[in-house]
Amino acid sequence: MKENLTKNERLGKKSDLNRIFANGNTSKCYGAKILFLKSSLTYSRFAITIVRKFGNAVERNYTKRIFREFFRKQKFSIKESYDIVFVVYPGDFSYQNRLEQFNLLIKRANLVKSH
């Protein structure tokens, strides 16, 4: 299977994001939050949002890039048919801390496939 991240797997429309923020389920951990909602598609889509007071553009882009990478690497272990939004908060977090946050949020949201 290809591990690349396709355009279809990204949430981009404002209407989709508003629907998830209004109706989605939420799970939180220190430094990040996940919102998720069941969809009618056969695959999961995701988006990353960063709060406004999150450092400079370099830090924001780096954080978005690593969360996209986490999703890309683990998308086959995440349940299908969900729209997922990660909300990331500022803090002095390392790559490993962000990975732990990602994994914890996916588990708390019960989005991990049972093999």
Protein backbone atom coordinates (compact mmCIF):
# COMPACT_ATOMS: atom_id res chain seq x y z
CA MET A 1 0.00 0.00 0.00
CA LYS A 2 1.11 3.53 -0.70
CA GLU A 3 1.93 5.63 2.32
CA ASN A 4 1.63 8.97 0.56
CA LEU A 5 -0.92 11.51 1.66
CA THR A 6 -3.42 12.26 -1.07
CA LYS A 7 -5.37 15.45 -1.54
CA ASN A 8 -8.61 13.55 -0.85
CA GLU A 9 -7.37 12.71 2.65
CA ARG A 10 -7.13 16.37 3.62
CA LEU A 11 -10.01 18.43 4.92
CA GLY A 12 -9.97 21.81 3.27
CA LYS A 13 -13.45 23.20 2.90
CA LYS A 14 -14.54 25.70 5.51
CA SER A 15 -17.99 24.08 5.57
CA ASP A 16 -16.47 20.70 6.49
CA LEU A 17 -14.38 22.24 9.26
CA ASN A 18 -17.34 24.20 10.62
CA ARG A 19 -19.45 21.01 10.65
CA ILE A 20 -16.77 19.17 12.65
CA PHE A 21 -16.28 22.04 15.10
CA ALA A 22 -20.05 22.32 15.61
CA ASN A 23 -21.02 18.62 15.77
CA GLY A 24 -17.81 16.67 16.36
CA ASN A 25 -16.73 14.69 19.39
CA THR A 26 -13.72 16.00 21.30
CA SER A 27 -10.81 14.53 23.18
CA LYS A 28 -8.02 16.55 24.79
CA CYS A 29 -4.54 16.18 26.15
CA TYR A 30 -1.97 18.71 27.29
CA GLY A 31 -0.89 20.66 24.20
CA ALA A 32 -3.42 19.35 21.67
CA LYS A 33 -7.05 18.45 21.04
CA ILE A 34 -8.79 16.21 18.52
CA LEU A 35 -12.25 16.68 17.03
CA PHE A 36 -13.74 13.86 14.99
CA LEU A 37 -16.97 13.08 13.24
CA LYS A 38 -18.19 10.02 11.34
CA SER A 39 -18.45 10.61 7.59
CA SER A 40 -19.99 8.75 4.68
CA LEU A 41 -16.67 8.33 2.84
CA THR A 42 -14.68 5.10 2.71
CA TYR A 43 -11.51 6.78 3.98
CA SER A 44 -10.60 9.18 6.75
CA ARG A 45 -9.75 12.82 6.17
CA PHE A 46 -7.89 15.16 8.47
CA ALA A 47 -6.87 18.76 9.05
CA ILE A 48 -4.56 20.56 11.44
CA THR A 49 -5.31 23.91 13.00
CA ILE A 50 -2.91 25.94 15.07
CA VAL A 51 -4.08 28.47 17.67
CA ARG A 52 -3.28 32.10 16.89
CA LYS A 53 -0.57 32.78 19.45
CA PHE A 54 1.66 29.95 18.32
CA GLY A 55 5.16 31.34 17.82
CA ASN A 56 6.27 32.44 14.39
CA ALA A 57 5.51 31.02 10.95
CA VAL A 58 8.47 28.63 11.10
CA GLU A 59 7.19 27.01 14.30
CA ARG A 60 3.61 26.81 13.02
CA ASN A 61 4.64 25.25 9.72
CA TYR A 62 6.98 22.78 11.44
CA THR A 63 4.21 21.65 13.78
CA LYS A 64 1.72 21.23 10.93
CA ARG A 65 4.32 19.31 8.93
CA ILE A 66 5.05 16.83 11.72
CA PHE A 67 1.34 16.23 12.40
CA ARG A 68 0.79 15.55 8.68
CA GLU A 69 3.70 13.11 8.84
CA PHE A 70 2.24 11.36 11.90
CA PHE A 71 -1.08 10.94 10.10
CA ARG A 72 0.59 9.76 6.89
CA LYS A 73 2.62 7.12 8.73
CA GLN A 74 -0.30 5.86 10.81
CA LYS A 75 -3.28 6.30 8.50
CA PHE A 76 -3.57 2.54 7.96
CA SER A 77 -4.03 1.99 11.70
CA ILE A 78 -6.76 4.67 11.95
CA LYS A 79 -10.40 3.72 11.42
CA GLU A 80 -11.94 4.66 8.07
CA SER A 81 -14.87 7.01 7.49
CA TYR A 82 -13.91 9.72 9.96
CA ASP A 83 -13.20 13.40 9.53
CA ILE A 84 -10.50 14.36 12.02
CA VAL A 85 -9.25 17.79 13.07
CA PHE A 86 -6.22 18.28 15.31
CA VAL A 87 -6.05 21.55 17.23
CA VAL A 88 -2.50 22.18 18.38
CA TYR A 89 -1.55 24.57 21.20
CA PRO A 90 1.81 26.27 21.75
CA GLY A 91 4.34 24.91 24.17
CA ASP A 92 7.90 23.72 24.41
CA PHE A 93 7.22 20.27 22.98
CA SER A 94 9.76 18.08 21.24
CA TYR A 95 9.07 15.87 18.23
CA GLN A 96 8.68 12.90 20.58
CA ASN A 97 6.21 14.81 22.80
CA ARG A 98 4.08 15.71 19.77
CA LEU A 99 4.13 12.09 18.60
CA GLU A 100 2.96 10.96 22.05
CA GLN A 101 0.18 13.58 21.95
CA PHE A 102 -0.94 12.35 18.52
CA ASN A 103 -1.01 8.71 19.62
CA LEU A 104 -2.77 9.52 22.89
CA LEU A 105 -5.47 11.54 21.14
CA ILE A 106 -6.10 8.82 18.55
CA LYS A 107 -6.45 6.24 21.33
CA ARG A 108 -8.68 8.43 23.50
CA ALA A 109 -10.92 9.10 20.51
CA ASN A 110 -11.13 5.33 19.93
CA LEU A 111 -9.99 5.75 16.32
CA VAL A 112 -7.38 2.98 16.36
CA LYS A 113 -8.32 -0.08 14.33
CA SER A 114 -8.51 -3.30 16.29
CA HIS A 115 -6.42 -5.89 14.52
